C-alpha atoms as a PDB file:
ATOM      1  CA  MET A   1      21.207  18.242 -14.202  1.00  0.00           C
ATOM      2  CA  ARG A   2      18.122  17.192 -16.168  1.00  0.00           C
ATOM      3  CA  ASP A   3      16.042  19.004 -18.761  1.00  0.00           C
ATOM      4  CA  GLU A   4      13.471  16.699 -20.297  1.00  0.00           C
ATOM      5  CA  ILE A   5       9.777  16.226 -20.981  1.00  0.00           C
ATOM      6  CA  ASP A   6       8.323  12.992 -19.606  1.00  0.00           C
ATOM      7  CA  THR A   7       4.999  11.760 -20.955  1.00  0.00           C
ATOM      8  CA  ALA A   8       3.003   8.755 -19.747  1.00  0.00           C
ATOM      9  CA  ARG A   9      -0.081   7.460 -21.531  1.00  0.00           C
ATOM     10  CA  SER A  10      -2.285   4.580 -20.432  1.00  0.00           C
ATOM     11  CA  LEU A  11      -5.255   2.833 -21.984  1.00  0.00           C
ATOM     12  CA  ASP A  12      -7.249   0.184 -20.105  1.00  0.00           C
ATOM     13  CA  PRO A  13     -10.357  -1.020 -21.959  1.00  0.00           C
ATOM     14  CA  TYR A  14     -12.219  -3.751 -20.086  1.00  0.00           C
ATOM     15  CA  VAL A  15     -15.363  -5.846 -20.086  1.00  0.00           C
ATOM     16  CA  GLN A  16     -17.158  -7.042 -16.954  1.00  0.00           C
ATOM     17  CA  ALA A  17     -20.137  -9.300 -16.321  1.00  0.00           C
ATOM     18  CA  ASN A  18     -22.144 -10.230 -13.207  1.00  0.00           C
ATOM     19  CA  TRP A  19     -24.381 -13.230 -12.605  1.00  0.00           C
ATOM     20  CA  ALA A  20     -26.657 -13.711  -9.592  1.00  0.00           C
ATOM     21  CA  LEU A  21     -28.465 -16.991  -8.837  1.00  0.00           C
ATOM     22  CA  ASP A  22     -30.122 -17.733  -5.496  1.00  0.00           C
ATOM     23  CA  ASN A  23     -27.389 -17.165  -2.884  1.00  0.00           C
ATOM     24  CA  TRP A  24     -24.520 -17.123  -5.385  1.00  0.00           C
ATOM     25  CA  THR A  25     -22.940 -14.181  -7.200  1.00  0.00           C
ATOM     26  CA  VAL A  26     -20.297 -14.487  -9.908  1.00  0.00           C
ATOM     27  CA  GLN A  27     -18.246 -11.624 -11.313  1.00  0.00           C
ATOM     28  CA  ALA A  28     -15.850 -11.926 -14.247  1.00  0.00           C
ATOM     29  CA  GLY A  29     -13.802  -9.352 -16.062  1.00  0.00           C
ATOM     30  CA  LEU A  30     -11.005  -8.896 -18.570  1.00  0.00           C
ATOM     31  CA  ARG A  31      -8.804  -5.819 -18.973  1.00  0.00           C
ATOM     32  CA  TYR A  32      -6.192  -5.036 -21.614  1.00  0.00           C
ATOM     33  CA  SER A  33      -3.738  -2.704 -19.917  1.00  0.00           C
ATOM     34  CA  THR A  34      -1.316  -0.594 -21.955  1.00  0.00           C
ATOM     35  CA  MET A  35       1.220   1.904 -20.607  1.00  0.00           C
ATOM     36  CA  GLU A  36       3.507   3.965 -22.868  1.00  0.00           C
ATOM     37  CA  MET A  37       6.321   6.133 -21.476  1.00  0.00           C
ATOM     38  CA  ASP A  38       8.166   8.738 -23.604  1.00  0.00           C
ATOM     39  CA  VAL A  39      11.183  10.810 -22.613  1.00  0.00           C
ATOM     40  CA  ASP A  40      12.240  13.817 -24.711  1.00  0.00           C
ATOM     41  CA  ASP A  41      15.746  14.749 -23.509  1.00  0.00           C
ATOM     42  CA  GLN A  42      16.523  18.464 -24.015  1.00  0.00           C
ATOM     43  CA  PHE A  43      19.816  18.536 -22.078  1.00  0.00           C
ATOM     44  CA  LEU A  44      22.044  17.380 -24.920  1.00  0.00           C
ATOM     45  CA  SER A  45      25.536  18.350 -23.776  1.00  0.00           C
ATOM     46  CA  ASN A  46      26.026  14.789 -22.445  1.00  0.00           C
ATOM     47  CA  GLY A  47      24.224  13.049 -25.316  1.00  0.00           C
ATOM     48  CA  ASP A  48      20.619  12.469 -26.292  1.00  0.00           C
ATOM     49  CA  ASP A  49      18.954  10.116 -23.804  1.00  0.00           C
ATOM     50  CA  SER A  50      15.502  10.332 -25.357  1.00  0.00           C
ATOM     51  CA  GLY A  51      13.535   7.135 -25.722  1.00  0.00           C
ATOM     52  CA  SER A  52      10.250   5.380 -25.212  1.00  0.00           C
ATOM     53  CA  THR A  53       8.880   2.051 -24.096  1.00  0.00           C
ATOM     54  CA  ARG A  54       5.508   0.331 -23.960  1.00  0.00           C
ATOM     55  CA  TYR A  55       4.115  -2.276 -21.562  1.00  0.00           C
ATOM     56  CA  ARG A  56       1.062  -4.401 -22.375  1.00  0.00           C
ATOM     57  CA  ARG A  57      -0.763  -7.274 -20.690  1.00  0.00           C
ATOM     58  CA  TRP A  58      -4.148  -8.998 -20.499  1.00  0.00           C
ATOM     59  CA  LEU A  59      -5.491  -8.924 -16.909  1.00  0.00           C
ATOM     60  CA  PRO A  60      -8.341 -11.368 -16.095  1.00  0.00           C
ATOM     61  CA  MET A  61     -10.441 -11.406 -12.922  1.00  0.00           C
ATOM     62  CA  LEU A  62     -12.919 -13.928 -11.479  1.00  0.00           C
ATOM     63  CA  SER A  63     -14.831 -13.655  -8.199  1.00  0.00           C
ATOM     64  CA  LEU A  64     -17.354 -15.985  -6.528  1.00  0.00           C
ATOM     65  CA  GLN A  65     -19.497 -14.997  -3.535  1.00  0.00           C
ATOM     66  CA  HIS A  66     -21.952 -17.073  -1.493  1.00  0.00           C
ATOM     67  CA  GLU A  67     -24.399 -15.863   1.142  1.00  0.00           C
ATOM     68  CA  LEU A  68     -24.028 -18.226   4.100  1.00  0.00           C
ATOM     69  CA  ALA A  69     -26.642 -16.482   6.250  1.00  0.00           C
ATOM     70  CA  ALA A  70     -28.359 -13.128   6.485  1.00  0.00           C
ATOM     71  CA  GLY A  71     -25.613 -10.499   6.333  1.00  0.00           C
ATOM     72  CA  MET A  72     -22.767 -13.053   6.134  1.00  0.00           C
ATOM     73  CA  HIS A  73     -20.866 -13.845   2.926  1.00  0.00           C
ATOM     74  CA  ALA A  74     -17.948 -16.024   1.888  1.00  0.00           C
ATOM     75  CA  TYR A  75     -15.977 -15.153  -1.221  1.00  0.00           C
ATOM     76  CA  ALA A  76     -13.065 -16.230  -3.383  1.00  0.00           C
ATOM     77  CA  SER A  77     -11.312 -14.175  -6.041  1.00  0.00           C
ATOM     78  CA  LEU A  78      -8.558 -14.697  -8.594  1.00  0.00           C
ATOM     79  CA  GLY A  79      -6.937 -11.971 -10.666  1.00  0.00           C
ATOM     80  CA  GLY A  80      -3.887 -10.830 -12.576  1.00  0.00           C
ATOM     81  CA  GLY A  81      -1.984  -7.586 -12.151  1.00  0.00           C
ATOM     82  CA  MET A  82       0.797  -5.529 -13.716  1.00  0.00           C
ATOM     83  CA  GLU A  83       2.911  -2.926 -11.916  1.00  0.00           C
ATOM     84  CA  THR A  84       4.763  -0.813 -14.459  1.00  0.00           C
ATOM     85  CA  PRO A  85       7.947   1.091 -13.570  1.00  0.00           C
ATOM     86  CA  THR A  86       7.593   4.786 -12.727  1.00  0.00           C
ATOM     87  CA  PHE A  87       9.673   7.586 -14.220  1.00  0.00           C
ATOM     88  CA  ASN A  88      11.603   7.748 -10.949  1.00  0.00           C
ATOM     89  CA  GLU A  89      12.478   4.064 -11.285  1.00  0.00           C
ATOM     90  CA  ILE A  90      13.766   4.345 -14.865  1.00  0.00           C
ATOM     91  CA  SER A  91      15.592   7.663 -14.332  1.00  0.00           C
ATOM     92  CA  TYR A  92      19.017   6.075 -13.792  1.00  0.00           C
ATOM     93  CA  ARG A  93      20.706   2.951 -15.133  1.00  0.00           C
ATOM     94  CA  PRO A  94      22.738   0.617 -12.892  1.00  0.00           C
ATOM     95  CA  GLY A  95      26.506   1.041 -12.937  1.00  0.00           C
ATOM     96  CA  GLY A  96      26.366   4.781 -13.634  1.00  0.00           C
ATOM     97  CA  LEU A  97      25.653   4.229 -17.338  1.00  0.00           C
ATOM     98  CA  PRO A  98      24.069   7.131 -19.229  1.00  0.00           C
ATOM     99  CA  GLY A  99      20.474   7.103 -20.381  1.00  0.00           C
ATOM    100  CA  LEU A 100      17.267   5.776 -18.948  1.00  0.00           C
ATOM    101  CA  ASN A 101      16.681   2.281 -17.628  1.00  0.00           C
ATOM    102  CA  PHE A 102      14.273   1.038 -20.298  1.00  0.00           C
ATOM    103  CA  ASP A 103      15.452  -2.522 -19.614  1.00  0.00           C
ATOM    104  CA  LEU A 104      13.358  -2.449 -16.426  1.00  0.00           C
ATOM    105  CA  GLN A 105      10.282  -4.616 -16.977  1.00  0.00           C
ATOM    106  CA  PRO A 106       6.886  -4.438 -15.237  1.00  0.00           C
ATOM    107  CA  ALA A 107       6.153  -6.744 -12.333  1.00  0.00           C
ATOM    108  CA  LYS A 108       3.449  -9.265 -13.267  1.00  0.00           C
ATOM    109  CA  SER A 109       1.375 -10.848 -10.515  1.00  0.00           C
ATOM    110  CA  THR A 110      -1.363 -13.392  -9.894  1.00  0.00           C
ATOM    111  CA  SER A 111      -3.425 -13.039  -6.706  1.00  0.00           C
ATOM    112  CA  VAL A 112      -5.833 -15.320  -4.875  1.00  0.00           C
ATOM    113  CA  GLU A 113      -7.979 -14.244  -1.918  1.00  0.00           C
ATOM    114  CA  LEU A 114     -10.421 -16.170   0.293  1.00  0.00           C
ATOM    115  CA  GLY A 115     -12.501 -14.376   2.859  1.00  0.00           C
ATOM    116  CA  LEU A 116     -15.526 -13.955   5.093  1.00  0.00           C
ATOM    117  CA  ARG A 117     -17.425 -10.776   5.927  1.00  0.00           C
ATOM    118  CA  GLN A 118     -20.468 -10.135   8.062  1.00  0.00           C
ATOM    119  CA  ARG A 119     -22.760  -7.274   9.038  1.00  0.00           C
ATOM    120  CA  ILE A 120     -24.049  -7.399  12.617  1.00  0.00           C
ATOM    121  CA  ALA A 121     -27.367  -5.757  13.387  1.00  0.00           C
ATOM    122  CA  SER A 122     -28.585  -7.224  16.688  1.00  0.00           C
ATOM    123  CA  GLU A 123     -30.148  -5.315  19.556  1.00  0.00           C
ATOM    124  CA  ALA A 124     -26.986  -5.640  21.635  1.00  0.00           C
ATOM    125  CA  LEU A 125     -24.392  -5.010  18.945  1.00  0.00           C
ATOM    126  CA  ARG A 126     -24.067  -3.381  15.539  1.00  0.00           C
ATOM    127  CA  GLY A 127     -21.174  -3.251  13.119  1.00  0.00           C
ATOM    128  CA  GLN A 128     -19.226  -5.339  10.660  1.00  0.00           C
ATOM    129  CA  TRP A 129     -16.129  -7.517  10.438  1.00  0.00           C
ATOM    130  CA  SER A 130     -14.103  -9.197   7.718  1.00  0.00           C
ATOM    131  CA  ALA A 131     -11.294 -11.755   7.547  1.00  0.00           C
ATOM    132  CA  ALA A 132      -9.251 -12.831   4.545  1.00  0.00           C
ATOM    133  CA  LEU A 133      -6.358 -15.033   3.472  1.00  0.00           C
ATOM    134  CA  PHE A 134      -4.340 -13.894   0.450  1.00  0.00           C
ATOM    135  CA  HIS A 135      -1.512 -15.148  -1.753  1.00  0.00           C
ATOM    136  CA  THR A 136       0.250 -13.190  -4.504  1.00  0.00           C
ATOM    137  CA  SER A 137       2.931 -14.608  -6.797  1.00  0.00           C
ATOM    138  CA  THR A 138       4.943 -12.052  -8.761  1.00  0.00           C
ATOM    139  CA  GLN A 139       7.378 -12.346 -11.641  1.00  0.00           C
ATOM    140  CA  ASP A 140      10.018  -9.687 -12.396  1.00  0.00           C
ATOM    141  CA  GLU A 141       9.563  -7.988  -9.026  1.00  0.00           C
ATOM    142  CA  ILE A 142      10.936  -4.410  -9.138  1.00  0.00           C
ATOM    143  CA  VAL A 143      13.481  -3.941  -6.348  1.00  0.00           C
ATOM    144  CA  THR A 144      16.069  -1.318  -5.416  1.00  0.00           C
ATOM    145  CA  ALA A 145      19.451  -2.111  -6.970  1.00  0.00           C
ATOM    146  CA  THR A 146      21.488   0.790  -5.558  1.00  0.00           C
ATOM    147  CA  ASN A 147      20.764   3.862  -3.460  1.00  0.00           C
ATOM    148  CA  THR A 148      23.766   6.205  -3.389  1.00  0.00           C
ATOM    149  CA  GLY A 149      24.102   9.986  -3.301  1.00  0.00           C
ATOM    150  CA  GLY A 150      20.391  10.543  -3.715  1.00  0.00           C
ATOM    151  CA  ARG A 151      20.252   8.451  -6.872  1.00  0.00           C
ATOM    152  CA  SER A 152      18.262   5.217  -6.846  1.00  0.00           C
ATOM    153  CA  THR A 153      18.476   2.511  -9.477  1.00  0.00           C
ATOM    154  CA  PHE A 154      16.106  -0.405  -9.808  1.00  0.00           C
ATOM    155  CA  ARG A 155      16.144  -3.884 -11.298  1.00  0.00           C
ATOM    156  CA  ASN A 156      13.928  -6.926 -11.776  1.00  0.00           C
ATOM    157  CA  ALA A 157      14.576  -9.550  -9.093  1.00  0.00           C
ATOM    158  CA  GLY A 158      12.732 -12.574 -10.454  1.00  0.00           C
ATOM    159  CA  ARG A 159       9.910 -14.307  -8.586  1.00  0.00           C
ATOM    160  CA  THR A 160       8.523 -13.258  -5.211  1.00  0.00           C
ATOM    161  CA  ARG A 161       5.688 -14.414  -2.969  1.00  0.00           C
ATOM    162  CA  ARG A 162       3.439 -12.471  -0.631  1.00  0.00           C
ATOM    163  CA  GLN A 163       0.953 -14.308   1.549  1.00  0.00           C
ATOM    164  CA  GLY A 164      -0.798 -13.641   4.791  1.00  0.00           C
ATOM    165  CA  ALA A 165      -4.024 -12.733   6.510  1.00  0.00           C
ATOM    166  CA  GLU A 166      -6.061  -9.612   7.174  1.00  0.00           C
ATOM    167  CA  PHE A 167      -8.703  -8.894   9.780  1.00  0.00           C
ATOM    168  CA  ALA A 168     -10.793  -5.741  10.231  1.00  0.00           C
ATOM    169  CA  SER A 169     -13.717  -4.891  12.475  1.00  0.00           C
ATOM    170  CA  GLN A 170     -15.905  -1.908  13.336  1.00  0.00           C
ATOM    171  CA  LEU A 171     -18.301  -2.388  16.247  1.00  0.00           C
ATOM    172  CA  HIS A 172     -20.838   0.015  17.756  1.00  0.00           C
ATOM    173  CA  LEU A 173     -20.803  -1.095  21.393  1.00  0.00           C
ATOM    174  CA  SER A 174     -23.463   1.468  22.340  1.00  0.00           C
ATOM    175  CA  PRO A 175     -24.800   4.744  20.929  1.00  0.00           C
ATOM    176  CA  GLN A 176     -21.800   6.479  22.547  1.00  0.00           C
ATOM    177  CA  TRP A 177     -18.946   3.984  22.024  1.00  0.00           C
ATOM    178  CA  GLU A 178     -17.370   2.603  18.841  1.00  0.00           C
ATOM    179  CA  LEU A 179     -14.453   0.155  18.672  1.00  0.00           C
ATOM    180  CA  SER A 180     -12.461  -0.477  15.489  1.00  0.00           C
ATOM    181  CA  GLY A 181      -9.394  -2.497  14.702  1.00  0.00           C
ATOM    182  CA  ALA A 182      -7.360  -3.986  11.876  1.00  0.00           C
ATOM    183  CA  LEU A 183      -4.511  -6.476  11.667  1.00  0.00           C
ATOM    184  CA  THR A 184      -2.367  -7.538   8.704  1.00  0.00           C
ATOM    185  CA  VAL A 185       0.155 -10.383   8.890  1.00  0.00           C
ATOM    186  CA  LEU A 186       2.412 -10.593   5.840  1.00  0.00           C
ATOM    187  CA  ASP A 187       5.072 -13.082   4.742  1.00  0.00           C
ATOM    188  CA  ALA A 188       6.827 -11.448   1.769  1.00  0.00           C
ATOM    189  CA  ARG A 189       9.817 -13.364   0.416  1.00  0.00           C
ATOM    190  CA  LEU A 190      12.061 -13.782  -2.602  1.00  0.00           C
ATOM    191  CA  ARG A 191      11.462 -17.047  -4.454  1.00  0.00           C
ATOM    192  CA  ASP A 192      14.492 -16.484  -6.692  1.00  0.00           C
ATOM    193  CA  GLY A 193      17.887 -15.243  -5.589  1.00  0.00           C
ATOM    194  CA  PHE A 194      19.669 -12.549  -7.580  1.00  0.00           C
ATOM    195  CA  CYS A 195      23.048 -10.805  -7.911  1.00  0.00           C
ATOM    196  CA  ASN A 196      24.056  -7.334  -9.031  1.00  0.00           C
ATOM    197  CA  ALA A 197      25.301  -6.596 -12.548  1.00  0.00           C
ATOM    198  CA  ALA A 198      28.864  -7.535 -11.586  1.00  0.00           C
ATOM    199  CA  GLY A 199      27.768 -10.917 -10.254  1.00  0.00           C
ATOM    200  CA  ALA A 200      28.521  -9.920  -6.651  1.00  0.00           C
ATOM    201  CA  ASN A 201      26.427  -9.058  -3.588  1.00  0.00           C
ATOM    202  CA  CYS A 202      24.171 -12.032  -4.244  1.00  0.00           C
ATOM    203  CA  VAL A 203      20.928 -12.376  -2.281  1.00  0.00           C
ATOM    204  CA  PRO A 204      19.665 -15.956  -1.811  1.00  0.00           C
ATOM    205  CA  ALA A 205      16.068 -17.034  -2.244  1.00  0.00           C
ATOM    206  CA  GLY A 206      13.989 -17.040   0.915  1.00  0.00           C
ATOM    207  CA  LYS A 207      14.967 -13.578   2.162  1.00  0.00           C
ATOM    208  CA  ARG A 208      12.250 -11.134   3.166  1.00  0.00           C
ATOM    209  CA  ILE A 209      11.453  -8.462   0.604  1.00  0.00           C
ATOM    210  CA  ALA A 210      13.202  -5.317   1.822  1.00  0.00           C
ATOM    211  CA  GLY A 211      10.891  -2.548   2.994  1.00  0.00           C
ATOM    212  CA  THR A 212       8.131  -4.889   4.188  1.00  0.00           C
ATOM    213  CA  ALA A 213       6.920  -5.530   7.746  1.00  0.00           C
ATOM    214  CA  ARG A 214       5.651  -8.836   9.086  1.00  0.00           C
ATOM    215  CA  ALA A 215       2.712  -7.294  10.943  1.00  0.00           C
ATOM    216  CA  GLN A 216       0.765  -4.035  11.140  1.00  0.00           C
ATOM    217  CA  ALA A 217      -2.118  -3.292  13.490  1.00  0.00           C
ATOM    218  CA  THR A 218      -4.412  -0.429  14.464  1.00  0.00           C
ATOM    219  CA  LEU A 219      -6.887  -0.174  17.335  1.00  0.00           C
ATOM    220  CA  GLY A 220      -9.258   2.740  17.804  1.00  0.00           C
ATOM    221  CA  LEU A 221     -11.863   3.745  20.377  1.00  0.00           C
ATOM    222  CA  ASP A 222     -14.322   6.623  19.807  1.00  0.00           C
ATOM    223  CA  TRP A 223     -16.610   8.169  22.421  1.00  0.00           C
ATOM    224  CA  ARG A 224     -19.539  10.490  21.690  1.00  0.00           C
ATOM    225  CA  PRO A 225     -20.555  11.800  25.131  1.00  0.00           C
ATOM    226  CA  LEU A 226     -22.950  14.480  23.854  1.00  0.00           C
ATOM    227  CA  ASP A 227     -24.670  15.293  20.615  1.00  0.00           C
ATOM    228  CA  GLY A 228     -22.095  16.719  18.205  1.00  0.00           C
ATOM    229  CA  TRP A 229     -19.037  15.875  20.336  1.00  0.00           C
ATOM    230  CA  ARG A 230     -16.539  13.113  19.631  1.00  0.00           C
ATOM    231  CA  ILE A 231     -13.367  12.036  21.436  1.00  0.00           C
ATOM    232  CA  GLY A 232     -11.075   9.322  20.115  1.00  0.00           C
ATOM    233  CA  ALA A 233      -7.863   7.394  20.699  1.00  0.00           C
ATOM    234  CA  GLN A 234      -5.954   5.313  18.157  1.00  0.00           C
ATOM    235  CA  TRP A 235      -3.003   2.974  18.640  1.00  0.00           C
ATOM    236  CA  ARG A 236      -0.894   2.129  15.584  1.00  0.00           C
ATOM    237  CA  SER A 237       1.811  -0.529  15.616  1.00  0.00           C
ATOM    238  CA  ILE A 238       4.205  -1.959  13.044  1.00  0.00           C
ATOM    239  CA  SER A 239       6.837  -4.687  13.363  1.00  0.00           C
ATOM    240  CA  ALA A 240      10.489  -4.519  12.283  1.00  0.00           C
ATOM    241  CA  ILE A 241      11.258  -3.716   8.627  1.00  0.00           C
ATOM    242  CA  ALA A 242      14.174  -5.156   6.659  1.00  0.00           C
ATOM    243  CA  ALA A 243      16.212  -2.252   5.268  1.00  0.00           C
ATOM    244  CA  ASN A 244      18.352  -4.200   2.799  1.00  0.00           C
ATOM    245  CA  ASP A 245      18.010  -7.266   0.600  1.00  0.00           C
ATOM    246  CA  ALA A 246      20.297  -9.357   2.802  1.00  0.00           C
ATOM    247  CA  ASN A 247      18.033  -8.645   5.807  1.00  0.00           C
ATOM    248  CA  SER A 248      21.144  -7.833   7.852  1.00  0.00           C
ATOM    249  CA  VAL A 249      19.753  -4.431   8.866  1.00  0.00           C
ATOM    250  CA  GLN A 250      16.357  -4.045  10.525  1.00  0.00           C
ATOM    251  CA  ALA A 251      14.406  -0.909  11.396  1.00  0.00           C
ATOM    252  CA  PRO A 252      12.920  -1.660  14.852  1.00  0.00           C
ATOM    253  CA  GLY A 253       9.179  -1.955  15.226  1.00  0.00           C
ATOM    254  CA  TYR A 254       7.190   0.684  17.076  1.00  0.00           C
ATOM    255  CA  GLY A 255       3.799   1.617  18.461  1.00  0.00           C
ATOM    256  CA  VAL A 256       2.396   5.154  18.726  1.00  0.00           C
ATOM    257  CA  LEU A 257      -0.747   6.654  20.248  1.00  0.00           C
ATOM    258  CA  ALA A 258      -2.888   9.453  18.818  1.00  0.00           C
ATOM    259  CA  LEU A 259      -5.701  11.395  20.525  1.00  0.00           C
ATOM    260  CA  SER A 260      -8.401  13.415  18.788  1.00  0.00           C
ATOM    261  CA  ALA A 261     -11.489  15.480  19.573  1.00  0.00           C
ATOM    262  CA  GLY A 262     -14.112  17.192  17.479  1.00  0.00           C
ATOM    263  CA  TYR A 263     -17.362  19.088  17.517  1.00  0.00           C
ATOM    264  CA  THR A 264     -20.040  19.370  14.821  1.00  0.00           C
ATOM    265  CA  ARG A 265     -23.046  21.687  14.905  1.00  0.00           C
ATOM    266  CA  GLN A 266     -25.784  22.335  12.362  1.00  0.00           C
ATOM    267  CA  TRP A 267     -27.810  25.580  12.095  1.00  0.00           C
ATOM    268  CA  GLY A 268     -30.185  25.238   9.198  1.00  0.00           C
ATOM    269  CA  ALA A 269     -28.057  25.339   6.039  1.00  0.00           C
ATOM    270  CA  TRP A 270     -24.905  26.181   8.024  1.00  0.00           C
ATOM    271  CA  ARG A 271     -22.605  23.486   9.387  1.00  0.00           C
ATOM    272  CA  LEU A 272     -19.711  24.012  11.814  1.00  0.00           C
ATOM    273  CA  ASN A 273     -16.948  21.421  12.110  1.00  0.00           C
ATOM    274  CA  ALA A 274     -14.062  21.851  14.585  1.00  0.00           C
ATOM    275  CA  PHE A 275     -11.353  19.309  15.333  1.00  0.00           C
ATOM    276  CA  ALA A 276      -8.040  18.832  17.124  1.00  0.00           C
ATOM    277  CA  ARG A 277      -5.540  15.954  17.049  1.00  0.00           C
ATOM    278  CA  ILE A 278      -2.279  15.000  18.741  1.00  0.00           C
ATOM    279  CA  ASP A 279      -0.084  12.376  17.057  1.00  0.00           C
ATOM    280  CA  ASN A 280       2.728  10.485  18.793  1.00  0.00           C
ATOM    281  CA  VAL A 281       1.438  11.532  22.201  1.00  0.00           C
ATOM    282  CA  ALA A 282       4.411  10.032  24.077  1.00  0.00           C
ATOM    283  CA  ASP A 283       6.891  11.853  21.768  1.00  0.00           C
ATOM    284  CA  ARG A 284       8.576   8.566  20.838  1.00  0.00           C
ATOM    285  CA  GLN A 285      11.677   8.454  18.665  1.00  0.00           C
ATOM    286  CA  TYR A 286      11.334   5.810  15.961  1.00  0.00           C
ATOM    287  CA  VAL A 287      12.176   5.077  12.344  1.00  0.00           C
ATOM    288  CA  GLY A 288       9.382   6.404  10.153  1.00  0.00           C
ATOM    289  CA  SER A 289      10.674   4.986   6.862  1.00  0.00           C
ATOM    290  CA  VAL A 290      13.702   3.248   5.387  1.00  0.00           C
ATOM    291  CA  ILE A 291      15.853   3.936   2.330  1.00  0.00           C
ATOM    292  CA  VAL A 292      16.242   0.427   0.964  1.00  0.00           C
ATOM    293  CA  ASN A 293      19.852  -0.588   0.172  1.00  0.00           C
ATOM    294  CA  GLU A 294      21.244   2.893   0.925  1.00  0.00           C
ATOM    295  CA  GLY A 295      24.858   2.762  -0.249  1.00  0.00           C
ATOM    296  CA  ASN A 296      26.376   4.624   2.720  1.00  0.00           C
ATOM    297  CA  GLY A 297      24.467   2.652   5.349  1.00  0.00           C
ATOM    298  CA  ARG A 298      22.116   5.545   6.083  1.00  0.00           C
ATOM    299  CA  PHE A 299      18.999   3.400   5.918  1.00  0.00           C
ATOM    300  CA  TYR A 300      16.815   5.161   8.454  1.00  0.00           C
ATOM    301  CA  GLU A 301      14.623   8.262   8.177  1.00  0.00           C
ATOM    302  CA  PRO A 302      13.293   9.556  11.516  1.00  0.00           C
ATOM    303  CA  ALA A 303       9.592  10.010  12.111  1.00  0.00           C
ATOM    304  CA  PRO A 304       8.280  13.310  13.480  1.00  0.00           C
ATOM    305  CA  GLY A 305       7.984  13.682  17.242  1.00  0.00           C
ATOM    306  CA  ARG A 306       4.831  14.819  18.951  1.00  0.00           C
ATOM    307  CA  GLN A 307       2.611  16.761  16.535  1.00  0.00           C
ATOM    308  CA  TRP A 308      -0.654  18.587  16.949  1.00  0.00           C
ATOM    309  CA  MET A 309      -3.145  20.125  14.595  1.00  0.00           C
ATOM    310  CA  ALA A 310      -6.459  21.929  14.912  1.00  0.00           C
ATOM    311  CA  GLY A 311      -8.976  23.122  12.396  1.00  0.00           C
ATOM    312  CA  LEU A 312     -12.266  24.931  12.058  1.00  0.00           C
ATOM    313  CA  GLY A 313     -14.607  24.715   9.092  1.00  0.00           C
ATOM    314  CA  LEU A 314     -17.863  26.449   8.266  1.00  0.00           C
ATOM    315  CA  THR A 315     -19.927  25.367   5.277  1.00  0.00           C
ATOM    316  CA  TYR A 316     -23.233  26.485   3.782  1.00  0.00           C
ATOM    317  CA  GLN A 317     -25.464  24.050   1.900  1.00  0.00           C
ATOM    318  CA  PHE A 318     -27.370  25.689  -0.975  1.00  0.00           C
END
C-alpha cells in the first residue's frame, strides 16, 4: 500500500543561435537541464520513506546543413542528452529494501547523426525522402533489474551503444495514389557487462539491450478514387525482441496489415469527416510487448486480435 505525494519540477533554460551563409546553415544551442523529484510519504506505519533528489546537466547541440542542390540537403548534428528516472523507476529498491531508489542516476548520452533529405517536385513525381545514420553512446543506462509480482526495480548498467540507419519516404505517384514507407535498423548493445547486487546473474558486454528490436518497417499505400474519398492499406513489421538481459528469450517478430477508408465533405462552414479502420486484418496472434526480465518467466504480453473502429465527425468553422 502507498500513500504519498510525488512532485516533479523541471527547469530548462537555453540559448540558441542560427547562422546562414550562401548554401550553409549552422545551428548551435546550449541547455541547462534541471529535474527535481520530491516524495512526501504519508503512509508511516512502515517508516517514513520521504526524500528528494535533483539531477542537473549541461546539454550542448551543434548542427551543420549544406544545400547540395535545389531541394536537397545534407546535414550533420551532434548533441548531448539526459534521461532522468521516472517515479515508477524509483518506486522500489532492489533486494526488497524499504524506501525509494534515489541511488538510480540519469542516463547521459551523446548522439551523432549524418543524413540526406530531398523534396521532389517534378512533373512525373512529387514527394520527399530522407536517410540518416546515427550513433548514440550512453553512460549509466537505466535497465530493468528485477520484475517480480508486479513490482519492477531498475538499476544503472554502465555504458551502452545504439547505432543504425533510418529511411523514410512519401511519394505522390499520381493525383490518386500515394506511397509511403519507413525503415529503421538498430544495433543496440551493452558496452559494459554488469551483475546484480549479489554479484550473480552477470550479463557480459556485447549483449543486445533487452526490449529492443533489430529492425522495424512500415509500408503504406493510399488511394483517392473520387473527391473526398480515401482508401488505404498499411503493413507494419518488427523483428524479434530480446526479453531478458541474457538474450536467452526472444519475442518472435511479426507483421500485421491494417485497412482504412474515409470520406470528407465540405458544405460552406460545415465539414463532415467519416472514417473506418480494421487493424490486424488476418487476426494474427503475436507478442505485442514484453516484460523485461520478468521473474516468473512470463515475459510476453499478447497483442489484440482483429480490431475495428469507425467514427463520424461534424465541425463548424466560425
